[in-house]
Amino acid sequence: MPSPQTRPLSEHFFHILGAFQWLVALPFMFRFGTGAWSDLFGAWRGFYYFIVDFMTTLMASGIFFTALLQRGAVDTKLRTLVFEAIKTTLATGMWIWLIADSASSPSTAERISRAAAATVLLV
């Protein structure tokens, strides 16, 4: 591993950005994961909310694990591009899906909070 003095600034930036994405995706992964777990065993909410929480958990965990893998991988320009494309695709897909869900259904505080969470993960 090169010393910090010889490492380029862009490599430092991507490591810090990956740590930020990792820290932001972790609480959302746990929040929606616990929501999916409770919706799985609680028949009073319906199957739709389980699917929404489960898919959101999968997308947030995909962002989390991709950022974690990116921190430990050897940095090449192609590998960085692939990792960033994966994270961008997951975050954008989750954002579009949850914004469309909250816009096309009756407004509830839970759907609006999910859309806000997706917006935070997209940024």
Protein backbone atom coordinates (compact mmCIF):
# COMPACT_ATOMS: atom_id res chain seq x y z
CA MET A 1 0.00 0.00 0.00
CA PRO A 2 1.53 3.33 -0.96
CA SER A 3 2.22 5.86 1.71
CA PRO A 4 -0.30 8.71 2.13
CA GLN A 5 2.22 11.20 0.77
CA THR A 6 2.49 9.46 -2.63
CA ARG A 7 -1.18 8.58 -3.03
CA PRO A 8 -2.98 10.88 -5.48
CA LEU A 9 -5.65 13.24 -4.24
CA SER A 10 -8.35 11.57 -6.34
CA GLU A 11 -7.73 8.27 -4.57
CA HIS A 12 -8.16 9.96 -1.18
CA PHE A 13 -11.35 11.58 -2.42
CA PHE A 14 -12.85 8.26 -3.56
CA HIS A 15 -11.96 6.58 -0.27
CA ILE A 16 -13.63 9.36 1.73
CA LEU A 17 -16.64 9.35 -0.60
CA GLY A 18 -16.95 5.58 -0.22
CA ALA A 19 -16.83 5.86 3.56
CA PHE A 20 -19.53 8.53 3.44
CA GLN A 21 -21.74 6.36 1.23
CA TRP A 22 -21.14 3.42 3.54
CA LEU A 23 -22.14 5.44 6.60
CA VAL A 24 -25.23 6.89 4.92
CA ALA A 25 -26.50 3.56 3.51
CA LEU A 26 -26.05 1.62 6.78
CA PRO A 27 -28.90 3.21 8.80
CA PHE A 28 -31.29 3.00 5.85
CA MET A 29 -30.40 -0.65 5.38
CA PHE A 30 -31.20 -1.42 9.01
CA ARG A 31 -34.34 0.71 9.12
CA PHE A 32 -35.93 -0.81 6.04
CA GLY A 33 -34.66 -4.27 6.95
CA THR A 34 -36.39 -4.16 10.32
CA GLY A 35 -39.51 -2.83 8.58
CA ALA A 36 -39.45 -5.75 6.15
CA TRP A 37 -38.89 -8.19 9.01
CA SER A 38 -41.86 -6.85 10.97
CA ASP A 39 -44.06 -6.74 7.84
CA LEU A 40 -43.20 -10.36 7.09
CA PHE A 41 -44.71 -11.57 10.35
CA GLY A 42 -47.40 -8.92 10.79
CA ALA A 43 -50.40 -9.69 8.62
CA TRP A 44 -52.12 -6.42 9.47
CA ARG A 45 -50.02 -4.28 7.08
CA GLY A 46 -50.22 -6.19 3.86
CA PHE A 47 -47.81 -7.83 1.50
CA TYR A 48 -47.12 -4.66 -0.49
CA TYR A 49 -45.28 -2.96 2.36
CA PHE A 50 -43.11 -6.04 2.86
CA ILE A 51 -42.10 -5.97 -0.82
CA VAL A 52 -41.34 -2.24 -0.72
CA ASP A 53 -39.25 -2.48 2.46
CA PHE A 54 -37.49 -5.64 1.26
CA MET A 55 -36.56 -4.19 -2.14
CA THR A 56 -35.41 -0.94 -0.54
CA THR A 57 -33.29 -2.95 1.89
CA LEU A 58 -31.75 -4.89 -0.99
CA MET A 59 -30.89 -1.71 -2.87
CA ALA A 60 -29.46 0.03 0.21
CA SER A 61 -27.43 -3.07 1.11
CA GLY A 62 -26.18 -3.21 -2.48
CA ILE A 63 -24.93 0.36 -2.14
CA PHE A 64 -23.44 -0.48 1.27
CA PHE A 65 -21.57 -3.59 0.13
CA THR A 66 -20.42 -2.02 -3.13
CA ALA A 67 -18.93 0.91 -1.21
CA LEU A 68 -17.35 -1.56 1.22
CA LEU A 69 -15.84 -3.59 -1.62
CA GLN A 70 -14.63 -0.45 -3.32
CA ARG A 71 -12.71 0.57 -0.22
CA GLY A 72 -10.85 -2.74 -0.08
CA ALA A 73 -10.25 -3.22 -3.81
CA VAL A 74 -7.21 -2.25 -5.80
CA ASP A 75 -8.06 1.04 -7.44
CA THR A 76 -7.98 1.10 -11.21
CA LYS A 77 -9.93 3.51 -13.34
CA LEU A 78 -12.08 0.76 -14.85
CA ARG A 79 -12.88 -0.80 -11.48
CA THR A 80 -13.76 2.59 -10.00
CA LEU A 81 -16.04 3.25 -12.96
CA VAL A 82 -17.79 -0.12 -12.52
CA PHE A 83 -18.30 0.38 -8.77
CA GLU A 84 -19.61 3.91 -9.24
CA ALA A 85 -21.95 2.74 -12.01
CA ILE A 86 -23.35 0.01 -9.74
CA LYS A 87 -23.93 2.43 -6.87
CA THR A 88 -25.45 5.07 -9.14
CA THR A 89 -27.79 2.55 -10.77
CA LEU A 90 -28.98 1.21 -7.41
CA ALA A 91 -29.50 4.67 -5.90
CA THR A 92 -31.23 6.08 -8.97
CA GLY A 93 -33.46 3.04 -9.36
CA MET A 94 -34.49 3.20 -5.73
CA TRP A 95 -35.13 6.93 -5.97
CA ILE A 96 -37.28 6.68 -9.11
CA TRP A 97 -39.22 3.74 -7.73
CA LEU A 98 -39.98 5.32 -4.35
CA ILE A 99 -40.78 8.76 -5.79
CA ALA A 100 -43.18 7.15 -8.29
CA ASP A 101 -44.70 5.10 -5.46
CA SER A 102 -45.31 8.12 -3.26
CA ALA A 103 -46.65 10.17 -6.18
CA SER A 104 -49.09 7.58 -7.53
CA SER A 105 -50.66 6.41 -4.30
CA PRO A 106 -52.51 8.01 -1.41
CA SER A 107 -50.09 10.10 0.58
CA THR A 108 -49.00 8.54 3.82
CA ALA A 109 -46.22 9.71 6.05
CA GLU A 110 -44.41 6.40 5.62
CA ARG A 111 -44.30 6.60 1.82
CA ILE A 112 -43.11 10.19 1.92
CA SER A 113 -40.38 9.30 4.44
CA ARG A 114 -39.25 6.44 2.17
CA ALA A 115 -39.02 8.83 -0.77
CA ALA A 116 -37.04 11.28 1.37
CA ALA A 117 -34.68 8.48 2.40
CA ALA A 118 -34.15 7.55 -1.24
CA THR A 119 -33.37 11.17 -2.04
CA VAL A 120 -30.74 11.26 0.72
CA LEU A 121 -29.16 8.06 -0.60
CA LEU A 122 -29.15 9.43 -4.13
CA VAL A 123 -27.25 12.52 -3.07
